Amino acid sequence: MTRRHRWPGLLPVIVRWRVEVAVVAAVGLLWHLTGALVLAVVAATAAILIAAVPVVRYAAVRSWQLVALTHRVRAALVSAGVEDRYGRLPWVLWASSAGPDVVLVEVKLRPGVTFDDLYLARPHLAVACAAAEVQVLMRRSRPDRVVVLLVQPRWGLLT
């Protein structure tokens, strides 16, 4: 028997896209409070800084990569079939930088999804994130959390 695809509700979608929703809300609030001219000046200044200053450019690209990689990890989990018996994916909580070529992505396991499921999904994670190497580590302090180490991820504009 094939299972019907289950669409996520509004709350899980908002939680998954929380960074993007917060950025849109901040831009909308800035526009409302200061006007379009000030928003245009701030955007132009940010664009010039990103284009002209290598440190700022690296920080902007790394920030973009940290946001994009959480979505790529989620897409890899879908393609690998890592889900509980109700068709729900594990929660991809956050991504953080662990050096110039390493990104840590923390995943909260749902009941019915095991560490081994994520460990077996490493090839899917490597392809989705264009990573040279993927390691899956269990957190001893939290047995329901797994850390995915992406070494040299190329997804998100860093080359």
N, C-alpha and C. Protein backbone atom coordinates (compact mmCIF):
# COMPACT_ATOMS: atom_id res chain seq x y z
N MET A 1 0.84 -1.18 0.00
CA MET A 1 0.00 0.00 0.00
C MET A 1 0.89 1.24 0.00
N THR A 2 0.64 2.14 -0.90
CA THR A 2 1.41 3.37 -0.95
C THR A 2 0.77 4.41 -0.05
N ARG A 3 1.62 5.13 0.61
CA ARG A 3 1.16 6.16 1.52
C ARG A 3 0.97 7.46 0.76
N ARG A 4 -0.12 8.15 1.06
CA ARG A 4 -0.37 9.43 0.42
C ARG A 4 0.57 10.48 0.98
N HIS A 5 1.07 11.36 0.11
CA HIS A 5 1.99 12.40 0.55
C HIS A 5 1.29 13.33 1.52
N ARG A 6 1.95 13.60 2.61
CA ARG A 6 1.38 14.44 3.66
C ARG A 6 1.99 15.83 3.58
N TRP A 7 1.16 16.84 3.36
CA TRP A 7 1.63 18.21 3.30
C TRP A 7 1.78 18.76 4.71
N PRO A 8 2.84 19.52 4.97
CA PRO A 8 3.01 20.08 6.32
C PRO A 8 2.00 21.19 6.57
N GLY A 9 1.70 21.42 7.84
CA GLY A 9 0.79 22.49 8.21
C GLY A 9 1.48 23.85 8.15
N LEU A 10 0.73 24.89 8.44
CA LEU A 10 1.26 26.24 8.36
C LEU A 10 2.35 26.48 9.41
N LEU A 11 2.14 26.03 10.64
CA LEU A 11 3.12 26.25 11.70
C LEU A 11 4.48 25.60 11.40
N PRO A 12 4.53 24.33 10.97
CA PRO A 12 5.84 23.76 10.63
C PRO A 12 6.53 24.50 9.48
N VAL A 13 5.77 24.99 8.51
CA VAL A 13 6.37 25.73 7.40
C VAL A 13 6.96 27.04 7.92
N ILE A 14 6.25 27.73 8.79
CA ILE A 14 6.77 28.98 9.35
C ILE A 14 8.01 28.72 10.19
N VAL A 15 8.01 27.63 10.95
CA VAL A 15 9.18 27.30 11.77
C VAL A 15 10.37 26.97 10.87
N ARG A 16 10.14 26.23 9.79
CA ARG A 16 11.24 25.87 8.89
C ARG A 16 11.80 27.08 8.16
N TRP A 17 10.97 28.03 7.86
CA TRP A 17 11.37 29.23 7.12
C TRP A 17 11.48 30.43 8.05
N ARG A 18 11.82 30.21 9.31
CA ARG A 18 11.83 31.29 10.30
C ARG A 18 12.82 32.40 9.98
N VAL A 19 13.98 32.07 9.46
CA VAL A 19 14.97 33.10 9.14
C VAL A 19 14.46 33.97 7.99
N GLU A 20 13.93 33.33 6.94
CA GLU A 20 13.43 34.08 5.81
C GLU A 20 12.23 34.94 6.19
N VAL A 21 11.33 34.40 7.01
CA VAL A 21 10.17 35.17 7.48
C VAL A 21 10.63 36.36 8.31
N ALA A 22 11.64 36.16 9.17
CA ALA A 22 12.15 37.26 9.99
C ALA A 22 12.79 38.35 9.14
N VAL A 23 13.53 37.97 8.09
CA VAL A 23 14.15 38.97 7.21
C VAL A 23 13.08 39.78 6.48
N VAL A 24 12.07 39.10 5.94
CA VAL A 24 11.00 39.81 5.24
C VAL A 24 10.25 40.74 6.21
N ALA A 25 10.00 40.26 7.43
CA ALA A 25 9.33 41.10 8.42
C ALA A 25 10.18 42.32 8.79
N ALA A 26 11.49 42.13 8.94
CA ALA A 26 12.38 43.25 9.28
C ALA A 26 12.42 44.27 8.14
N VAL A 27 12.48 43.81 6.90
CA VAL A 27 12.49 44.74 5.76
C VAL A 27 11.16 45.48 5.68
N GLY A 28 10.06 44.76 5.88
CA GLY A 28 8.75 45.41 5.88
C GLY A 28 8.61 46.43 6.99
N LEU A 29 9.11 46.11 8.18
CA LEU A 29 9.06 47.04 9.30
C LEU A 29 9.94 48.25 9.05
N LEU A 30 11.13 48.04 8.50
CA LEU A 30 12.01 49.17 8.17
C LEU A 30 11.37 50.07 7.13
N TRP A 31 10.74 49.46 6.14
CA TRP A 31 10.05 50.23 5.10
C TRP A 31 8.91 51.04 5.71
N HIS A 32 8.15 50.41 6.58
CA HIS A 32 7.01 51.09 7.21
C HIS A 32 7.47 52.24 8.11
N LEU A 33 8.54 52.04 8.88
CA LEU A 33 8.98 53.05 9.85
C LEU A 33 9.77 54.18 9.21
N THR A 34 10.55 53.88 8.17
CA THR A 34 11.44 54.91 7.64
C THR A 34 11.11 55.35 6.22
N GLY A 35 10.46 54.53 5.46
CA GLY A 35 10.13 54.89 4.09
C GLY A 35 11.01 54.17 3.09
N ALA A 36 10.62 54.27 1.84
CA ALA A 36 11.31 53.56 0.77
C ALA A 36 12.70 54.12 0.50
N LEU A 37 12.88 55.43 0.66
CA LEU A 37 14.18 56.03 0.37
C LEU A 37 15.26 55.53 1.32
N VAL A 38 14.95 55.52 2.61
CA VAL A 38 15.92 55.03 3.59
C VAL A 38 16.20 53.55 3.36
N LEU A 39 15.18 52.78 3.05
CA LEU A 39 15.37 51.36 2.76
C LEU A 39 16.28 51.18 1.54
N ALA A 40 16.09 51.99 0.52
CA ALA A 40 16.94 51.91 -0.67
C ALA A 40 18.38 52.28 -0.35
N VAL A 41 18.59 53.28 0.50
CA VAL A 41 19.95 53.67 0.89
C VAL A 41 20.62 52.56 1.70
N VAL A 42 19.89 51.97 2.62
CA VAL A 42 20.44 50.87 3.43
C VAL A 42 20.78 49.67 2.53
N ALA A 43 19.89 49.33 1.59
CA ALA A 43 20.16 48.21 0.69
C ALA A 43 21.35 48.50 -0.22
N ALA A 44 21.45 49.71 -0.73
CA ALA A 44 22.59 50.07 -1.59
C ALA A 44 23.89 50.05 -0.81
N THR A 45 23.87 50.56 0.42
CA THR A 45 25.07 50.54 1.25
C THR A 45 25.51 49.10 1.55
N ALA A 46 24.53 48.26 1.88
CA ALA A 46 24.86 46.85 2.14
C ALA A 46 25.43 46.19 0.89
N ALA A 47 24.86 46.45 -0.27
CA ALA A 47 25.35 45.85 -1.51
C ALA A 47 26.77 46.33 -1.82
N ILE A 48 27.05 47.61 -1.60
CA ILE A 48 28.39 48.13 -1.86
C ILE A 48 29.40 47.51 -0.90
N LEU A 49 29.03 47.40 0.38
CA LEU A 49 29.93 46.78 1.36
C LEU A 49 30.22 45.33 1.00
N ILE A 50 29.17 44.60 0.61
CA ILE A 50 29.36 43.19 0.25
C ILE A 50 30.25 43.06 -0.97
N ALA A 51 30.08 43.95 -1.94
CA ALA A 51 30.88 43.87 -3.16
C ALA A 51 32.32 44.34 -2.95
N ALA A 52 32.53 45.31 -2.06
CA ALA A 52 33.84 45.94 -1.96
C ALA A 52 34.74 45.37 -0.87
N VAL A 53 34.17 44.89 0.22
CA VAL A 53 34.97 44.45 1.36
C VAL A 53 34.95 42.92 1.43
N PRO A 54 36.10 42.28 1.23
CA PRO A 54 36.13 40.81 1.20
C PRO A 54 35.63 40.15 2.50
N VAL A 55 35.94 40.73 3.65
CA VAL A 55 35.50 40.13 4.92
C VAL A 55 33.98 40.17 5.03
N VAL A 56 33.38 41.28 4.62
CA VAL A 56 31.92 41.40 4.65
C VAL A 56 31.30 40.46 3.63
N ARG A 57 31.93 40.35 2.46
CA ARG A 57 31.42 39.44 1.44
C ARG A 57 31.46 38.00 1.93
N TYR A 58 32.55 37.60 2.56
CA TYR A 58 32.66 36.24 3.08
C TYR A 58 31.59 35.99 4.15
N ALA A 59 31.38 36.97 5.03
CA ALA A 59 30.36 36.81 6.08
C ALA A 59 28.96 36.71 5.48
N ALA A 60 28.68 37.51 4.45
CA ALA A 60 27.37 37.46 3.81
C ALA A 60 27.14 36.13 3.11
N VAL A 61 28.16 35.64 2.40
CA VAL A 61 28.03 34.37 1.70
C VAL A 61 27.92 33.22 2.69
N ARG A 62 28.68 33.28 3.78
CA ARG A 62 28.60 32.22 4.79
C ARG A 62 27.23 32.22 5.47
N SER A 63 26.68 33.40 5.74
CA SER A 63 25.34 33.48 6.32
C SER A 63 24.31 32.89 5.37
N TRP A 64 24.42 33.22 4.10
CA TRP A 64 23.52 32.64 3.10
C TRP A 64 23.67 31.12 3.08
N GLN A 65 24.89 30.64 3.15
CA GLN A 65 25.12 29.20 3.10
C GLN A 65 24.51 28.50 4.32
N LEU A 66 24.62 29.11 5.48
CA LEU A 66 24.05 28.49 6.69
C LEU A 66 22.53 28.40 6.60
N VAL A 67 21.91 29.38 5.98
CA VAL A 67 20.45 29.32 5.80
C VAL A 67 20.10 28.29 4.73
N ALA A 68 20.83 28.28 3.62
CA ALA A 68 20.51 27.38 2.51
C ALA A 68 20.77 25.92 2.86
N LEU A 69 21.80 25.65 3.63
CA LEU A 69 22.15 24.25 3.93
C LEU A 69 21.10 23.55 4.78
N THR A 70 20.40 24.27 5.64
CA THR A 70 19.33 23.62 6.40
C THR A 70 18.24 23.10 5.46
N HIS A 71 17.93 23.86 4.42
CA HIS A 71 16.94 23.42 3.45
C HIS A 71 17.48 22.27 2.60
N ARG A 72 18.76 22.30 2.27
CA ARG A 72 19.34 21.21 1.49
C ARG A 72 19.39 19.91 2.30
N VAL A 73 19.69 20.01 3.59
CA VAL A 73 19.68 18.82 4.45
C VAL A 73 18.27 18.24 4.51
N ARG A 74 17.27 19.10 4.64
CA ARG A 74 15.89 18.63 4.67
C ARG A 74 15.52 17.95 3.35
N ALA A 75 15.96 18.51 2.23
CA ALA A 75 15.69 17.90 0.93
C ALA A 75 16.38 16.53 0.81
N ALA A 76 17.58 16.41 1.36
CA ALA A 76 18.28 15.13 1.34
C ALA A 76 17.56 14.10 2.19
N LEU A 77 17.02 14.51 3.32
CA LEU A 77 16.28 13.58 4.17
C LEU A 77 15.01 13.09 3.47
N VAL A 78 14.39 13.96 2.70
CA VAL A 78 13.22 13.55 1.92
C VAL A 78 13.62 12.52 0.88
N SER A 79 14.70 12.79 0.14
CA SER A 79 15.11 11.86 -0.92
C SER A 79 15.61 10.54 -0.36
N ALA A 80 16.15 10.56 0.86
CA ALA A 80 16.63 9.32 1.48
C ALA A 80 15.49 8.55 2.16
N GLY A 81 14.33 9.17 2.30
CA GLY A 81 13.21 8.50 2.95
C GLY A 81 13.33 8.42 4.45
N VAL A 82 14.03 9.36 5.07
CA VAL A 82 14.20 9.38 6.52
C VAL A 82 12.97 10.07 7.11
N GLU A 83 12.03 9.28 7.61
CA GLU A 83 10.80 9.83 8.17
C GLU A 83 10.24 8.84 9.17
N ASP A 84 9.35 9.33 10.02
CA ASP A 84 8.70 8.42 10.96
C ASP A 84 7.53 7.73 10.25
N ARG A 85 6.79 6.93 10.96
CA ARG A 85 5.75 6.15 10.30
C ARG A 85 4.56 7.00 9.86
N TYR A 86 4.50 8.25 10.31
CA TYR A 86 3.45 9.16 9.88
C TYR A 86 3.90 10.03 8.71
N GLY A 87 5.12 9.82 8.24
CA GLY A 87 5.64 10.58 7.11
C GLY A 87 6.25 11.91 7.48
N ARG A 88 6.56 12.13 8.75
CA ARG A 88 7.14 13.40 9.20
C ARG A 88 8.66 13.30 9.21
N LEU A 89 9.30 14.36 8.74
CA LEU A 89 10.76 14.42 8.72
C LEU A 89 11.29 14.79 10.10
N PRO A 90 12.55 14.47 10.38
CA PRO A 90 13.17 15.01 11.59
C PRO A 90 13.27 16.53 11.47
N TRP A 91 13.31 17.20 12.61
CA TRP A 91 13.44 18.66 12.61
C TRP A 91 14.89 19.04 12.36
N VAL A 92 15.13 19.84 11.34
CA VAL A 92 16.45 20.40 11.09
C VAL A 92 16.47 21.73 11.83
N LEU A 93 17.20 21.77 12.96
CA LEU A 93 17.08 22.91 13.87
C LEU A 93 17.88 24.13 13.41
N TRP A 94 19.16 23.97 13.20
CA TRP A 94 20.01 25.11 12.86
C TRP A 94 21.30 24.62 12.24
N ALA A 95 22.00 25.55 11.62
CA ALA A 95 23.33 25.28 11.07
C ALA A 95 24.28 26.33 11.63
N SER A 96 25.50 25.91 11.90
CA SER A 96 26.51 26.85 12.40
C SER A 96 27.85 26.52 11.77
N SER A 97 28.68 27.54 11.69
CA SER A 97 30.00 27.37 11.12
C SER A 97 30.94 26.79 12.17
N ALA A 98 31.75 25.82 11.75
CA ALA A 98 32.73 25.21 12.65
C ALA A 98 34.11 25.30 12.02
N GLY A 99 34.39 26.41 11.40
CA GLY A 99 35.66 26.60 10.73
C GLY A 99 35.42 27.03 9.30
N PRO A 100 36.48 27.26 8.57
CA PRO A 100 36.31 27.77 7.20
C PRO A 100 35.68 26.77 6.25
N ASP A 101 35.85 25.49 6.48
CA ASP A 101 35.34 24.49 5.54
C ASP A 101 34.39 23.48 6.17
N VAL A 102 33.86 23.76 7.35
CA VAL A 102 32.99 22.81 8.04
C VAL A 102 31.73 23.52 8.52
N VAL A 103 30.59 22.88 8.27
CA VAL A 103 29.31 23.39 8.75
C VAL A 103 28.67 22.29 9.59
N LEU A 104 28.16 22.66 10.77
CA LEU A 104 27.44 21.74 11.64
C LEU A 104 25.94 22.00 11.48
N VAL A 105 25.18 20.95 11.27
CA VAL A 105 23.73 21.06 11.19
C VAL A 105 23.16 20.15 12.27
N GLU A 106 22.37 20.73 13.18
CA GLU A 106 21.77 19.93 14.25
C GLU A 106 20.38 19.47 13.83
N VAL A 107 20.12 18.18 14.03
CA VAL A 107 18.86 17.56 13.64
C VAL A 107 18.25 16.91 14.88
N LYS A 108 16.96 17.19 15.12
CA LYS A 108 16.24 16.57 16.23
C LYS A 108 15.45 15.39 15.68
N LEU A 109 15.72 14.22 16.22
CA LEU A 109 15.07 13.00 15.75
C LEU A 109 13.66 12.89 16.31
N ARG A 110 12.75 12.45 15.49
CA ARG A 110 11.39 12.16 15.95
C ARG A 110 11.33 10.70 16.41
N PRO A 111 10.35 10.34 17.22
CA PRO A 111 10.20 8.93 17.58
C PRO A 111 10.00 8.08 16.32
N GLY A 112 10.77 7.03 16.21
CA GLY A 112 10.70 6.16 15.04
C GLY A 112 11.81 6.41 14.04
N VAL A 113 12.55 7.51 14.20
CA VAL A 113 13.71 7.79 13.36
C VAL A 113 14.94 7.60 14.22
N THR A 114 15.90 6.84 13.71
CA THR A 114 17.08 6.51 14.52
C THR A 114 18.33 7.17 13.94
N PHE A 115 19.38 7.10 14.73
CA PHE A 115 20.69 7.58 14.31
C PHE A 115 21.12 6.84 13.04
N ASP A 116 20.86 5.54 12.98
CA ASP A 116 21.25 4.74 11.83
C ASP A 116 20.57 5.21 10.54
N ASP A 117 19.32 5.69 10.65
CA ASP A 117 18.63 6.21 9.47
C ASP A 117 19.39 7.40 8.88
N LEU A 118 19.84 8.31 9.74
CA LEU A 118 20.61 9.45 9.25
C LEU A 118 21.99 9.02 8.78
N TYR A 119 22.58 8.05 9.45
CA TYR A 119 23.90 7.57 9.05
C TYR A 119 23.83 6.96 7.65
N LEU A 120 22.77 6.22 7.36
CA LEU A 120 22.62 5.61 6.04
C LEU A 120 22.26 6.64 4.97
N ALA A 121 21.81 7.81 5.38
CA ALA A 121 21.44 8.88 4.43
C ALA A 121 22.64 9.74 4.05
N ARG A 122 23.84 9.41 4.52
CA ARG A 122 25.02 10.23 4.23
C ARG A 122 25.27 10.46 2.74
N PRO A 123 25.11 9.47 1.87
CA PRO A 123 25.31 9.76 0.44
C PRO A 123 24.33 10.80 -0.09
N HIS A 124 23.09 10.74 0.36
CA HIS A 124 22.09 11.73 -0.06
C HIS A 124 22.45 13.12 0.46
N LEU A 125 22.92 13.18 1.70
CA LEU A 125 23.33 14.46 2.28
C LEU A 125 24.54 15.04 1.53
N ALA A 126 25.48 14.19 1.17
CA ALA A 126 26.67 14.67 0.45
C ALA A 126 26.30 15.23 -0.92
N VAL A 127 25.41 14.57 -1.61
CA VAL A 127 25.01 15.05 -2.94
C VAL A 127 24.18 16.32 -2.83
N ALA A 128 23.23 16.36 -1.92
CA ALA A 128 22.35 17.52 -1.79
C ALA A 128 23.12 18.78 -1.38
N CYS A 129 24.12 18.63 -0.53
CA CYS A 129 24.89 19.78 -0.05
C CYS A 129 26.20 19.96 -0.81
N ALA A 130 26.47 19.09 -1.77
CA ALA A 130 27.72 19.11 -2.54
C ALA A 130 28.92 19.13 -1.59
N ALA A 131 28.86 18.30 -0.57
CA ALA A 131 29.91 18.24 0.43
C ALA A 131 30.93 17.17 0.06
N ALA A 132 32.19 17.44 0.37
CA ALA A 132 33.25 16.47 0.11
C ALA A 132 33.13 15.27 1.05
N GLU A 133 32.67 15.53 2.27
CA GLU A 133 32.54 14.47 3.27
C GLU A 133 31.39 14.82 4.20
N VAL A 134 30.68 13.80 4.66
CA VAL A 134 29.59 13.99 5.61
C VAL A 134 29.81 13.03 6.77
N GLN A 135 29.75 13.56 7.98
CA GLN A 135 29.81 12.73 9.17
C GLN A 135 28.55 12.97 9.98
N VAL A 136 28.05 11.91 10.59
CA VAL A 136 26.87 12.01 11.45
C VAL A 136 27.31 11.61 12.85
N LEU A 137 27.10 12.50 13.81
CA LEU A 137 27.54 12.28 15.18
C LEU A 137 26.36 12.36 16.14
N MET A 138 26.35 11.46 17.12
CA MET A 138 25.31 11.46 18.15
C MET A 138 25.74 12.37 19.28
N ARG A 139 24.79 13.15 19.81
CA ARG A 139 25.07 13.97 20.99
C ARG A 139 24.86 13.12 22.23
N ARG A 140 25.87 13.03 23.08
CA ARG A 140 25.72 12.21 24.29
C ARG A 140 24.78 12.85 25.29
N SER A 141 24.78 14.17 25.35
CA SER A 141 23.93 14.86 26.31
C SER A 141 22.46 14.81 25.90
N ARG A 142 22.18 14.71 24.60
CA ARG A 142 20.81 14.67 24.10
C ARG A 142 20.69 13.52 23.11
N PRO A 143 20.17 12.37 23.53
CA PRO A 143 20.11 11.23 22.60
C PRO A 143 19.11 11.43 21.45
N ASP A 144 18.26 12.45 21.54
CA ASP A 144 17.33 12.71 20.45
C ASP A 144 17.89 13.71 19.44
N ARG A 145 19.16 14.11 19.60
CA ARG A 145 19.79 15.07 18.70
C ARG A 145 20.96 14.42 17.99
N VAL A 146 21.11 14.77 16.72
CA VAL A 146 22.21 14.30 15.90
C VAL A 146 22.85 15.52 15.25
N VAL A 147 24.16 15.52 15.16
CA VAL A 147 24.88 16.59 14.49
C VAL A 147 25.41 16.04 13.17
N VAL A 148 25.08 16.74 12.10
CA VAL A 148 25.58 16.38 10.77
C VAL A 148 26.72 17.34 10.44
N LEU A 149 27.90 16.79 10.21
CA LEU A 149 29.09 17.58 9.88
C LEU A 149 29.26 17.56 8.37
N LEU A 150 29.18 18.73 7.74
CA LEU A 150 29.36 18.84 6.30
C LEU A 150 30.73 19.46 6.05
N VAL A 151 31.63 18.70 5.46
CA VAL A 151 32.98 19.17 5.19
C VAL A 151 33.04 19.68 3.76
N GLN A 152 33.49 20.90 3.60
CA GLN A 152 33.59 21.59 2.31
C GLN A 152 32.28 21.57 1.53
N PRO A 153 31.18 22.05 2.13
CA PRO A 153 29.94 22.11 1.36
C PRO A 153 30.06 23.19 0.29
N ARG A 154 29.66 22.88 -0.91
CA ARG A 154 29.77 23.83 -2.01
C ARG A 154 28.43 24.45 -2.35
N TRP A 155 27.37 24.00 -1.70
CA TRP A 155 26.06 24.57 -2.00
C TRP A 155 25.94 25.88 -1.26
N GLY A 156 25.51 26.91 -1.92
CA GLY A 156 25.34 28.19 -1.29
C GLY A 156 26.41 29.19 -1.69
N LEU A 157 27.03 29.01 -2.83
CA LEU A 157 27.91 29.96 -3.49
C LEU A 157 29.35 29.98 -3.01
N LEU A 158 29.74 29.25 -1.99
CA LEU A 158 31.16 29.24 -1.59
C LEU A 158 31.89 28.21 -2.44
N THR A 159 32.96 28.63 -3.06
CA THR A 159 33.73 27.68 -3.87
C THR A 159 35.15 27.66 -3.42
